[in-house]
Amino acid sequence: MINLKKEVLVFIVLFIVSSIIVHLDTWLSTPLIHLQDLFSHPMPYHPLLYVFLIYMVIVILRTVLSLIIKLFKK
């Protein structure tokens, strides 16, 4: 359960950070309009999709690194 909480926290932080990085100017100038525009966007789920893809890359990298470390510890 602790691992799940950690992974959810990583996902949420990644979501927030990527949102701020990609749309910094919009978040600073007109955040409410940006949120409203998200709902009328042709692909409103795109932030979740992109964050999920980034998260999966991170998971794959962590897994590969873990396997390499286990390989050299033996």
C-alpha atoms as a PDB file:
ATOM      1  CA  MET A   1       0.000   0.000   0.000  1.00  0.00           C
ATOM      2  CA  ILE A   2       2.874   2.346   0.747  1.00  0.00           C
ATOM      3  CA  ASN A   3       4.348   1.604  -2.679  1.00  0.00           C
ATOM      4  CA  LEU A   4       1.055   2.467  -4.343  1.00  0.00           C
ATOM      5  CA  LYS A   5       0.859   5.771  -2.469  1.00  0.00           C
ATOM      6  CA  LYS A   6       4.402   6.552  -3.545  1.00  0.00           C
ATOM      7  CA  GLU A   7       3.626   5.819  -7.196  1.00  0.00           C
ATOM      8  CA  VAL A   8       0.428   7.889  -7.119  1.00  0.00           C
ATOM      9  CA  LEU A   9       2.383  10.758  -5.591  1.00  0.00           C
ATOM     10  CA  VAL A  10       5.034  10.451  -8.321  1.00  0.00           C
ATOM     11  CA  PHE A  11       2.308  10.516 -10.974  1.00  0.00           C
ATOM     12  CA  ILE A  12       0.609  13.576  -9.465  1.00  0.00           C
ATOM     13  CA  VAL A  13       3.875  15.472  -9.111  1.00  0.00           C
ATOM     14  CA  LEU A  14       4.806  14.571 -12.676  1.00  0.00           C
ATOM     15  CA  PHE A  15       1.393  15.769 -13.851  1.00  0.00           C
ATOM     16  CA  ILE A  16       1.719  19.118 -12.083  1.00  0.00           C
ATOM     17  CA  VAL A  17       5.321  19.722 -13.097  1.00  0.00           C
ATOM     18  CA  SER A  18       4.753  18.852 -16.748  1.00  0.00           C
ATOM     19  CA  SER A  19       1.643  21.030 -16.839  1.00  0.00           C
ATOM     20  CA  ILE A  20       3.546  23.976 -15.443  1.00  0.00           C
ATOM     21  CA  ILE A  21       6.525  23.462 -17.737  1.00  0.00           C
ATOM     22  CA  VAL A  22       4.506  23.078 -20.933  1.00  0.00           C
ATOM     23  CA  HIS A  23       1.980  25.843 -20.261  1.00  0.00           C
ATOM     24  CA  LEU A  24       3.840  28.208 -17.960  1.00  0.00           C
ATOM     25  CA  ASP A  25       2.887  31.375 -19.814  1.00  0.00           C
ATOM     26  CA  THR A  26      -0.798  30.430 -19.888  1.00  0.00           C
ATOM     27  CA  TRP A  27      -0.885  29.394 -16.249  1.00  0.00           C
ATOM     28  CA  LEU A  28       0.667  32.694 -15.218  1.00  0.00           C
ATOM     29  CA  SER A  29      -1.384  34.968 -17.432  1.00  0.00           C
ATOM     30  CA  THR A  30      -4.859  33.365 -17.627  1.00  0.00           C
ATOM     31  CA  PRO A  31      -5.183  30.177 -15.569  1.00  0.00           C
ATOM     32  CA  LEU A  32      -8.991  30.093 -15.476  1.00  0.00           C
ATOM     33  CA  ILE A  33      -9.300  30.548 -19.206  1.00  0.00           C
ATOM     34  CA  HIS A  34      -6.751  27.803 -19.686  1.00  0.00           C
ATOM     35  CA  LEU A  35      -8.850  25.408 -17.597  1.00  0.00           C
ATOM     36  CA  GLN A  36     -11.999  26.356 -19.489  1.00  0.00           C
ATOM     37  CA  ASP A  37     -10.258  25.843 -22.821  1.00  0.00           C
ATOM     38  CA  LEU A  38      -9.144  22.402 -21.733  1.00  0.00           C
ATOM     39  CA  PHE A  39     -12.754  21.235 -21.601  1.00  0.00           C
ATOM     40  CA  SER A  40     -13.437  22.449 -25.126  1.00  0.00           C
ATOM     41  CA  HIS A  41     -10.196  21.000 -26.464  1.00  0.00           C
ATOM     42  CA  PRO A  42     -10.633  18.269 -29.119  1.00  0.00           C
ATOM     43  CA  MET A  43      -8.581  15.956 -26.910  1.00  0.00           C
ATOM     44  CA  PRO A  44      -9.320  17.022 -23.299  1.00  0.00           C
ATOM     45  CA  TYR A  45      -7.618  13.971 -21.818  1.00  0.00           C
ATOM     46  CA  HIS A  46      -4.268  14.775 -23.488  1.00  0.00           C
ATOM     47  CA  PRO A  47      -2.537  15.859 -20.244  1.00  0.00           C
ATOM     48  CA  LEU A  48      -3.291  12.513 -18.647  1.00  0.00           C
ATOM     49  CA  LEU A  49      -2.204  10.642 -21.741  1.00  0.00           C
ATOM     50  CA  TYR A  50       1.111  12.467 -21.981  1.00  0.00           C
ATOM     51  CA  VAL A  51       1.840  12.142 -18.276  1.00  0.00           C
ATOM     52  CA  PHE A  52       1.013   8.449 -18.428  1.00  0.00           C
ATOM     53  CA  LEU A  53       3.446   7.964 -21.315  1.00  0.00           C
ATOM     54  CA  ILE A  54       6.187   9.853 -19.465  1.00  0.00           C
ATOM     55  CA  TYR A  55       5.437   7.844 -16.342  1.00  0.00           C
ATOM     56  CA  MET A  56       5.723   4.569 -18.261  1.00  0.00           C
ATOM     57  CA  VAL A  57       9.120   5.608 -19.628  1.00  0.00           C
ATOM     58  CA  ILE A  58      10.243   6.351 -16.070  1.00  0.00           C
ATOM     59  CA  VAL A  59       8.942   2.976 -14.866  1.00  0.00           C
ATOM     60  CA  ILE A  60      10.779   1.165 -17.653  1.00  0.00           C
ATOM     61  CA  LEU A  61      14.006   3.031 -16.878  1.00  0.00           C
ATOM     62  CA  ARG A  62      13.668   2.272 -13.158  1.00  0.00           C
ATOM     63  CA  THR A  63      13.059  -1.398 -13.917  1.00  0.00           C
ATOM     64  CA  VAL A  64      16.043  -1.662 -16.252  1.00  0.00           C
ATOM     65  CA  LEU A  65      18.301   0.093 -13.745  1.00  0.00           C
ATOM     66  CA  SER A  66      17.068  -2.181 -10.967  1.00  0.00           C
ATOM     67  CA  LEU A  67      17.816  -5.272 -13.064  1.00  0.00           C
ATOM     68  CA  ILE A  68      21.295  -3.980 -13.931  1.00  0.00           C
ATOM     69  CA  ILE A  69      22.032  -3.266 -10.272  1.00  0.00           C
ATOM     70  CA  LYS A  70      20.827  -6.733  -9.255  1.00  0.00           C
ATOM     71  CA  LEU A  71      22.948  -8.290 -11.970  1.00  0.00           C
ATOM     72  CA  PHE A  72      26.145  -6.627 -10.726  1.00  0.00           C
ATOM     73  CA  LYS A  73      25.438  -7.243  -7.034  1.00  0.00           C
ATOM     74  CA  LYS A  74      25.660 -11.018  -7.468  1.00  0.00           C
END
